[in-house]
């Protein structure tokens, strides 16, 4: 499943971080899409975790020359 970055960063309670690989996953996932780690009992992302994720993502893409609007529309696997 893919979501646009702007949707992800505005709703941390819909996502959780995989403890094994630190990838953001949709809250309904029972296994991490990336490493297949069991994440059934993992808590939702906190505001702090989401802010860190957003800073890293937006920072990376801005360095690559993307505008904020382009970054908002990027699709991210969750």
PDB file of N, CA and C in Angstrom:
ATOM      1  N   UNK A   1       0.844  -1.162   0.000  1.00  0.00           N
ATOM      2  CA  UNK A   1       0.000   0.000   0.000  1.00  0.00           C
ATOM      3  C   UNK A   1       0.896   1.234   0.000  1.00  0.00           C
ATOM      4  N   UNK A   2       0.466   2.262  -0.686  1.00  0.00           N
ATOM      5  CA  UNK A   2       1.212   3.516  -0.741  1.00  0.00           C
ATOM      6  C   UNK A   2       0.311   4.663  -0.299  1.00  0.00           C
ATOM      7  N   UNK A   3       0.892   5.604   0.429  1.00  0.00           N
ATOM      8  CA  UNK A   3       0.203   6.825   0.824  1.00  0.00           C
ATOM      9  C   UNK A   3       1.094   7.995   0.473  1.00  0.00           C
ATOM     10  N   UNK A   4       0.486   9.146   0.187  1.00  0.00           N
ATOM     11  CA  UNK A   4       1.298  10.323  -0.083  1.00  0.00           C
ATOM     12  C   UNK A   4       1.893  10.815   1.235  1.00  0.00           C
ATOM     13  N   UNK A   5       3.061  11.384   1.134  1.00  0.00           N
ATOM     14  CA  UNK A   5       3.805  11.815   2.309  1.00  0.00           C
ATOM     15  C   UNK A   5       3.006  12.799   3.160  1.00  0.00           C
ATOM     16  N   UNK A   6       2.267  13.700   2.522  1.00  0.00           N
ATOM     17  CA  UNK A   6       1.491  14.680   3.292  1.00  0.00           C
ATOM     18  C   UNK A   6       0.426  14.006   4.149  1.00  0.00           C
ATOM     19  N   UNK A   7      -0.144  12.922   3.677  1.00  0.00           N
ATOM     20  CA  UNK A   7      -1.150  12.194   4.462  1.00  0.00           C
ATOM     21  C   UNK A   7      -0.495  11.525   5.667  1.00  0.00           C
ATOM     22  N   UNK A   8       0.669  10.953   5.464  1.00  0.00           N
ATOM     23  CA  UNK A   8       1.369  10.247   6.532  1.00  0.00           C
ATOM     24  C   UNK A   8       1.731  11.200   7.670  1.00  0.00           C
ATOM     25  N   UNK A   9       2.339  12.323   7.341  1.00  0.00           N
ATOM     26  CA  UNK A   9       2.861  13.200   8.388  1.00  0.00           C
ATOM     27  C   UNK A   9       1.769  13.930   9.170  1.00  0.00           C
ATOM     28  N   UNK A  10       0.558  13.951   8.656  1.00  0.00           N
ATOM     29  CA  UNK A  10      -0.517  14.651   9.367  1.00  0.00           C
ATOM     30  C   UNK A  10      -1.339  13.731  10.254  1.00  0.00           C
ATOM     31  N   UNK A  11      -1.052  12.431  10.241  1.00  0.00           N
ATOM     32  CA  UNK A  11      -1.882  11.500  11.012  1.00  0.00           C
ATOM     33  C   UNK A  11      -1.039  10.395  11.641  1.00  0.00           C
ATOM     34  N   UNK A  12      -0.210  10.699  12.650  1.00  0.00           N
ATOM     35  CA  UNK A  12       0.653   9.679  13.244  1.00  0.00           C
ATOM     36  C   UNK A  12      -0.114   8.508  13.849  1.00  0.00           C
ATOM     37  N   UNK A  13      -1.356   8.728  14.250  1.00  0.00           N
ATOM     38  CA  UNK A  13      -2.131   7.641  14.856  1.00  0.00           C
ATOM     39  C   UNK A  13      -2.590   6.597  13.839  1.00  0.00           C
ATOM     40  N   UNK A  14      -2.294   6.808  12.560  1.00  0.00           N
ATOM     41  CA  UNK A  14      -2.612   5.813  11.531  1.00  0.00           C
ATOM     42  C   UNK A  14      -1.396   4.977  11.135  1.00  0.00           C
ATOM     43  N   UNK A  15      -0.271   5.216  11.783  1.00  0.00           N
ATOM     44  CA  UNK A  15       0.972   4.555  11.387  1.00  0.00           C
ATOM     45  C   UNK A  15       1.748   4.073  12.602  1.00  0.00           C
ATOM     46  N   UNK A  16       2.620   3.097  12.356  1.00  0.00           N
ATOM     47  CA  UNK A  16       3.508   2.608  13.409  1.00  0.00           C
ATOM     48  C   UNK A  16       4.867   2.303  12.804  1.00  0.00           C
ATOM     49  N   UNK A  17       5.902   2.369  13.642  1.00  0.00           N
ATOM     50  CA  UNK A  17       7.270   2.108  13.195  1.00  0.00           C
ATOM     51  C   UNK A  17       7.640   0.664  13.474  1.00  0.00           C
ATOM     52  N   UNK A  18       8.265   0.036  12.508  1.00  0.00           N
ATOM     53  CA  UNK A  18       8.770  -1.314  12.708  1.00  0.00           C
ATOM     54  C   UNK A  18       9.977  -1.238  13.640  1.00  0.00           C
ATOM     55  N   UNK A  19       9.983  -2.012  14.721  1.00  0.00           N
ATOM     56  CA  UNK A  19      11.130  -1.969  15.635  1.00  0.00           C
ATOM     57  C   UNK A  19      12.401  -2.562  15.036  1.00  0.00           C
ATOM     58  N   UNK A  20      12.272  -3.392  14.017  1.00  0.00           N
ATOM     59  CA  UNK A  20      13.438  -4.035  13.421  1.00  0.00           C
ATOM     60  C   UNK A  20      14.121  -3.162  12.367  1.00  0.00           C
ATOM     61  N   UNK A  21      13.321  -2.536  11.483  1.00  0.00           N
ATOM     62  CA  UNK A  21      13.926  -1.791  10.371  1.00  0.00           C
ATOM     63  C   UNK A  21      13.570  -0.300  10.358  1.00  0.00           C
ATOM     64  N   UNK A  22      12.712   0.134  11.274  1.00  0.00           N
ATOM     65  CA  UNK A  22      12.318   1.538  11.434  1.00  0.00           C
ATOM     66  C   UNK A  22      11.513   2.111  10.277  1.00  0.00           C
ATOM     67  N   UNK A  23      10.928   1.257   9.461  1.00  0.00           N
ATOM     68  CA  UNK A  23      10.075   1.741   8.375  1.00  0.00           C
ATOM     69  C   UNK A  23       8.688   2.054   8.914  1.00  0.00           C
ATOM     70  N   UNK A  24       8.039   3.070   8.341  1.00  0.00           N
ATOM     71  CA  UNK A  24       6.681   3.443   8.717  1.00  0.00           C
ATOM     72  C   UNK A  24       5.715   2.459   8.056  1.00  0.00           C
ATOM     73  N   UNK A  25       4.783   1.950   8.857  1.00  0.00           N
ATOM     74  CA  UNK A  25       3.791   0.985   8.383  1.00  0.00           C
ATOM     75  C   UNK A  25       2.385   1.476   8.686  1.00  0.00           C
ATOM     76  N   UNK A  26       1.443   1.119   7.835  1.00  0.00           N
ATOM     77  CA  UNK A  26       0.029   1.386   8.047  1.00  0.00           C
ATOM     78  C   UNK A  26      -0.416   0.647   9.306  1.00  0.00           C
ATOM     79  N   UNK A  27      -1.278   1.250  10.092  1.00  0.00           N
ATOM     80  CA  UNK A  27      -1.643   0.692  11.397  1.00  0.00           C
ATOM     81  C   UNK A  27      -2.282  -0.692  11.324  1.00  0.00           C
ATOM     82  N   UNK A  28      -2.873  -1.061  10.199  1.00  0.00           N
ATOM     83  CA  UNK A  28      -3.506  -2.372  10.071  1.00  0.00           C
ATOM     84  C   UNK A  28      -2.517  -3.496   9.763  1.00  0.00           C
ATOM     85  N   UNK A  29      -1.300  -3.141   9.393  1.00  0.00           N
ATOM     86  CA  UNK A  29      -0.307  -4.167   9.082  1.00  0.00           C
ATOM     87  C   UNK A  29       0.016  -4.995  10.320  1.00  0.00           C
ATOM     88  N   UNK A  30       0.032  -6.296  10.162  1.00  0.00           N
ATOM     89  CA  UNK A  30       0.448  -7.173  11.257  1.00  0.00           C
ATOM     90  C   UNK A  30       1.905  -7.571  11.105  1.00  0.00           C
ATOM     91  N   UNK A  31       2.425  -7.425   9.880  1.00  0.00           N
ATOM     92  CA  UNK A  31       3.837  -7.649   9.587  1.00  0.00           C
ATOM     93  C   UNK A  31       4.360  -6.451   8.824  1.00  0.00           C
ATOM     94  N   UNK A  32       5.608  -6.116   9.063  1.00  0.00           N
ATOM     95  CA  UNK A  32       6.232  -4.999   8.362  1.00  0.00           C
ATOM     96  C   UNK A  32       6.297  -5.317   6.868  1.00  0.00           C
ATOM     97  N   UNK A  33       5.893  -4.355   6.047  1.00  0.00           N
ATOM     98  CA  UNK A  33       5.939  -4.547   4.596  1.00  0.00           C
ATOM     99  C   UNK A  33       7.370  -4.718   4.108  1.00  0.00           C
ATOM    100  N   UNK A  34       8.332  -4.195   4.844  1.00  0.00           N
ATOM    101  CA  UNK A  34       9.726  -4.192   4.413  1.00  0.00           C
ATOM    102  C   UNK A  34      10.504  -5.436   4.847  1.00  0.00           C
ATOM    103  N   UNK A  35      10.365  -5.831   6.124  1.00  0.00           N
ATOM    104  CA  UNK A  35      11.206  -6.915   6.648  1.00  0.00           C
ATOM    105  C   UNK A  35      10.405  -8.095   7.206  1.00  0.00           C
ATOM    106  N   UNK A  36       9.088  -8.011   7.142  1.00  0.00           N
ATOM    107  CA  UNK A  36       8.191  -9.075   7.616  1.00  0.00           C
ATOM    108  C   UNK A  36       8.238  -9.312   9.124  1.00  0.00           C
ATOM    109  N   UNK A  37       8.798  -8.371   9.877  1.00  0.00           N
ATOM    110  CA  UNK A  37       8.791  -8.450  11.338  1.00  0.00           C
ATOM    111  C   UNK A  37       7.346  -8.360  11.838  1.00  0.00           C
ATOM    112  N   UNK A  38       7.026  -9.109  12.889  1.00  0.00           N
ATOM    113  CA  UNK A  38       5.703  -9.044  13.484  1.00  0.00           C
ATOM    114  C   UNK A  38       5.549  -7.691  14.171  1.00  0.00           C
ATOM    115  N   UNK A  39       4.569  -6.898  13.728  1.00  0.00           N
ATOM    116  CA  UNK A  39       4.328  -5.585  14.334  1.00  0.00           C
ATOM    117  C   UNK A  39       2.888  -5.464  14.831  1.00  0.00           C
ATOM    118  N   UNK A  40       2.250  -6.592  15.007  1.00  0.00           N
ATOM    119  CA  UNK A  40       0.853  -6.610  15.444  1.00  0.00           C
ATOM    120  C   UNK A  40       0.647  -5.831  16.736  1.00  0.00           C
ATOM    121  N   UNK A  41       1.549  -5.954  17.691  1.00  0.00           N
ATOM    122  CA  UNK A  41       1.391  -5.318  19.000  1.00  0.00           C
ATOM    123  C   UNK A  41       2.187  -4.022  19.162  1.00  0.00           C
ATOM    124  N   UNK A  42       2.710  -3.487  18.071  1.00  0.00           N
ATOM    125  CA  UNK A  42       3.473  -2.242  18.126  1.00  0.00           C
ATOM    126  C   UNK A  42       2.504  -1.067  18.273  1.00  0.00           C
ATOM    127  N   UNK A  43       2.874  -0.105  19.111  1.00  0.00           N
ATOM    128  CA  UNK A  43       2.050   1.088  19.341  1.00  0.00           C
ATOM    129  C   UNK A  43       2.100   2.024  18.131  1.00  0.00           C
ATOM    130  N   UNK A  44       1.098   2.882  18.026  1.00  0.00           N
ATOM    131  CA  UNK A  44       1.073   3.895  16.979  1.00  0.00           C
ATOM    132  C   UNK A  44       2.243   4.853  17.153  1.00  0.00           C
ATOM    133  N   UNK A  45       2.593   5.541  16.085  1.00  0.00           N
ATOM    134  CA  UNK A  45       3.681   6.515  16.147  1.00  0.00           C
ATOM    135  C   UNK A  45       3.282   7.671  17.049  1.00  0.00           C
ATOM    136  N   UNK A  46       4.251   8.196  17.756  1.00  0.00           N
ATOM    137  CA  UNK A  46       4.031   9.391  18.565  1.00  0.00           C
ATOM    138  C   UNK A  46       4.250  10.619  17.683  1.00  0.00           C
ATOM    139  N   UNK A  47       3.807  11.758  18.172  1.00  0.00           N
ATOM    140  CA  UNK A  47       4.048  13.012  17.447  1.00  0.00           C
ATOM    141  C   UNK A  47       5.546  13.222  17.240  1.00  0.00           C
ATOM    142  N   UNK A  48       6.334  12.911  18.271  1.00  0.00           N
ATOM    143  CA  UNK A  48       7.786  13.082  18.201  1.00  0.00           C
ATOM    144  C   UNK A  48       8.393  12.193  17.112  1.00  0.00           C
ATOM    145  N   UNK A  49       7.972  10.936  17.071  1.00  0.00           N
ATOM    146  CA  UNK A  49       8.477  10.015  16.039  1.00  0.00           C
ATOM    147  C   UNK A  49       8.087  10.498  14.654  1.00  0.00           C
ATOM    148  N   UNK A  50       6.849  10.969  14.513  1.00  0.00           N
ATOM    149  CA  UNK A  50       6.393  11.446  13.209  1.00  0.00           C
ATOM    150  C   UNK A  50       7.141  12.700  12.803  1.00  0.00           C
ATOM    151  N   UNK A  51       7.376  13.604  13.747  1.00  0.00           N
ATOM    152  CA  UNK A  51       8.130  14.818  13.424  1.00  0.00           C
ATOM    153  C   UNK A  51       9.536  14.490  12.957  1.00  0.00           C
ATOM    154  N   UNK A  52      10.182  13.532  13.598  1.00  0.00           N
ATOM    155  CA  UNK A  52      11.523  13.119  13.184  1.00  0.00           C
ATOM    156  C   UNK A  52      11.486  12.520  11.778  1.00  0.00           C
ATOM    157  N   UNK A  53      10.515  11.655  11.524  1.00  0.00           N
ATOM    158  CA  UNK A  53      10.351  11.057  10.197  1.00  0.00           C
ATOM    159  C   UNK A  53      10.150  12.149   9.143  1.00  0.00           C
ATOM    160  N   UNK A  54       9.253  13.100   9.431  1.00  0.00           N
ATOM    161  CA  UNK A  54       8.951  14.176   8.477  1.00  0.00           C
ATOM    162  C   UNK A  54      10.183  15.033   8.205  1.00  0.00           C
ATOM    163  N   UNK A  55      10.922  15.390   9.241  1.00  0.00           N
ATOM    164  CA  UNK A  55      12.142  16.194   9.066  1.00  0.00           C
ATOM    165  C   UNK A  55      13.132  15.491   8.158  1.00  0.00           C
ATOM    166  N   UNK A  56      13.326  14.202   8.385  1.00  0.00           N
ATOM    167  CA  UNK A  56      14.278  13.438   7.576  1.00  0.00           C
ATOM    168  C   UNK A  56      13.819  13.349   6.124  1.00  0.00           C
ATOM    169  N   UNK A  57      12.555  13.026   5.909  1.00  0.00           N
ATOM    170  CA  UNK A  57      12.039  12.875   4.550  1.00  0.00           C
ATOM    171  C   UNK A  57      12.065  14.199   3.796  1.00  0.00           C
ATOM    172  N   UNK A  58      11.489  15.236   4.399  1.00  0.00           N
ATOM    173  CA  UNK A  58      11.440  16.530   3.719  1.00  0.00           C
ATOM    174  C   UNK A  58      12.845  17.089   3.503  1.00  0.00           C
ATOM    175  N   UNK A  59      13.727  16.910   4.484  1.00  0.00           N
ATOM    176  CA  UNK A  59      15.100  17.379   4.340  1.00  0.00           C
ATOM    177  C   UNK A  59      15.819  16.711   3.174  1.00  0.00           C
ATOM    178  N   UNK A  60      15.648  15.392   3.077  1.00  0.00           N
ATOM    179  CA  UNK A  60      16.286  14.657   1.987  1.00  0.00           C
ATOM    180  C   UNK A  60      15.794  15.141   0.628  1.00  0.00           C
ATOM    181  N   UNK A  61      14.473  15.216   0.478  1.00  0.00           N
ATOM    182  CA  UNK A  61      13.917  15.567  -0.835  1.00  0.00           C
ATOM    183  C   UNK A  61      14.177  17.026  -1.195  1.00  0.00           C
ATOM    184  N   UNK A  62      14.238  17.923  -0.208  1.00  0.00           N
ATOM    185  CA  UNK A  62      14.573  19.317  -0.499  1.00  0.00           C
ATOM    186  C   UNK A  62      15.994  19.421  -1.021  1.00  0.00           C
ATOM    187  N   UNK A  63      16.921  18.634  -0.438  1.00  0.00           N
ATOM    188  CA  UNK A  63      18.300  18.623  -0.927  1.00  0.00           C
ATOM    189  C   UNK A  63      18.378  18.103  -2.354  1.00  0.00           C
ATOM    190  N   UNK A  64      17.426  17.260  -2.733  1.00  0.00           N
ATOM    191  CA  UNK A  64      17.381  16.716  -4.090  1.00  0.00           C
ATOM    192  C   UNK A  64      16.735  17.688  -5.077  1.00  0.00           C
ATOM    193  N   UNK A  65      16.238  18.829  -4.572  1.00  0.00           N
ATOM    194  CA  UNK A  65      15.695  19.858  -5.449  1.00  0.00           C
ATOM    195  C   UNK A  65      14.184  19.846  -5.613  1.00  0.00           C
ATOM    196  N   UNK A  66      13.492  19.057  -4.827  1.00  0.00           N
ATOM    197  CA  UNK A  66      12.031  19.006  -4.920  1.00  0.00           C
ATOM    198  C   UNK A  66      11.413  20.189  -4.180  1.00  0.00           C
ATOM    199  N   UNK A  67      10.269  20.658  -4.673  1.00  0.00           N
ATOM    200  CA  UNK A  67       9.510  21.685  -3.960  1.00  0.00           C
ATOM    201  C   UNK A  67       8.701  21.003  -2.857  1.00  0.00           C
ATOM    202  N   UNK A  68       8.201  21.798  -1.919  1.00  0.00           N
ATOM    203  CA  UNK A  68       7.403  21.231  -0.835  1.00  0.00           C
ATOM    204  C   UNK A  68       6.144  20.556  -1.378  1.00  0.00           C
ATOM    205  N   UNK A  69       5.530  21.140  -2.386  1.00  0.00           N
ATOM    206  CA  UNK A  69       4.327  20.540  -3.004  1.00  0.00           C
ATOM    207  C   UNK A  69       4.675  19.192  -3.630  1.00  0.00           C
ATOM    208  N   UNK A  70       5.796  19.113  -4.310  1.00  0.00           N
ATOM    209  CA  UNK A  70       6.219  17.848  -4.906  1.00  0.00           C
ATOM    210  C   UNK A  70       6.480  16.805  -3.831  1.00  0.00           C
ATOM    211  N   UNK A  71       7.090  17.224  -2.735  1.00  0.00           N
ATOM    212  CA  UNK A  71       7.376  16.315  -1.636  1.00  0.00           C
ATOM    213  C   UNK A  71       6.068  15.816  -1.008  1.00  0.00           C
ATOM    214  N   UNK A  72       5.134  16.716  -0.797  1.00  0.00           N
ATOM    215  CA  UNK A  72       3.825  16.336  -0.227  1.00  0.00           C
ATOM    216  C   UNK A  72       3.169  15.231  -1.043  1.00  0.00           C
ATOM    217  N   UNK A  73       3.333  15.266  -2.359  1.00  0.00           N
ATOM    218  CA  UNK A  73       2.666  14.324  -3.249  1.00  0.00           C
ATOM    219  C   UNK A  73       3.431  13.027  -3.487  1.00  0.00           C
ATOM    220  N   UNK A  74       4.643  12.902  -2.917  1.00  0.00           N
ATOM    221  CA  UNK A  74       5.414  11.672  -3.102  1.00  0.00           C
ATOM    222  C   UNK A  74       4.697  10.495  -2.447  1.00  0.00           C
ATOM    223  N   UNK A  75       4.693   9.371  -3.136  1.00  0.00           N
ATOM    224  CA  UNK A  75       4.081   8.159  -2.588  1.00  0.00           C
ATOM    225  C   UNK A  75       5.111   7.373  -1.793  1.00  0.00           C
ATOM    226  N   UNK A  76       4.697   6.915  -0.611  1.00  0.00           N
ATOM    227  CA  UNK A  76       5.558   6.174   0.288  1.00  0.00           C
ATOM    228  C   UNK A  76       4.913   4.822   0.571  1.00  0.00           C
ATOM    229  N   UNK A  77       5.669   3.759   0.458  1.00  0.00           N
ATOM    230  CA  UNK A  77       5.168   2.408   0.794  1.00  0.00           C
ATOM    231  C   UNK A  77       4.926   2.347   2.297  1.00  0.00           C
ATOM    232  N   UNK A  78       3.772   1.867   2.687  1.00  0.00           N
ATOM    233  CA  UNK A  78       3.453   1.701   4.097  1.00  0.00           C
ATOM    234  C   UNK A  78       2.847   0.323   4.314  1.00  0.00           C
TER     235      UNK A  78
END
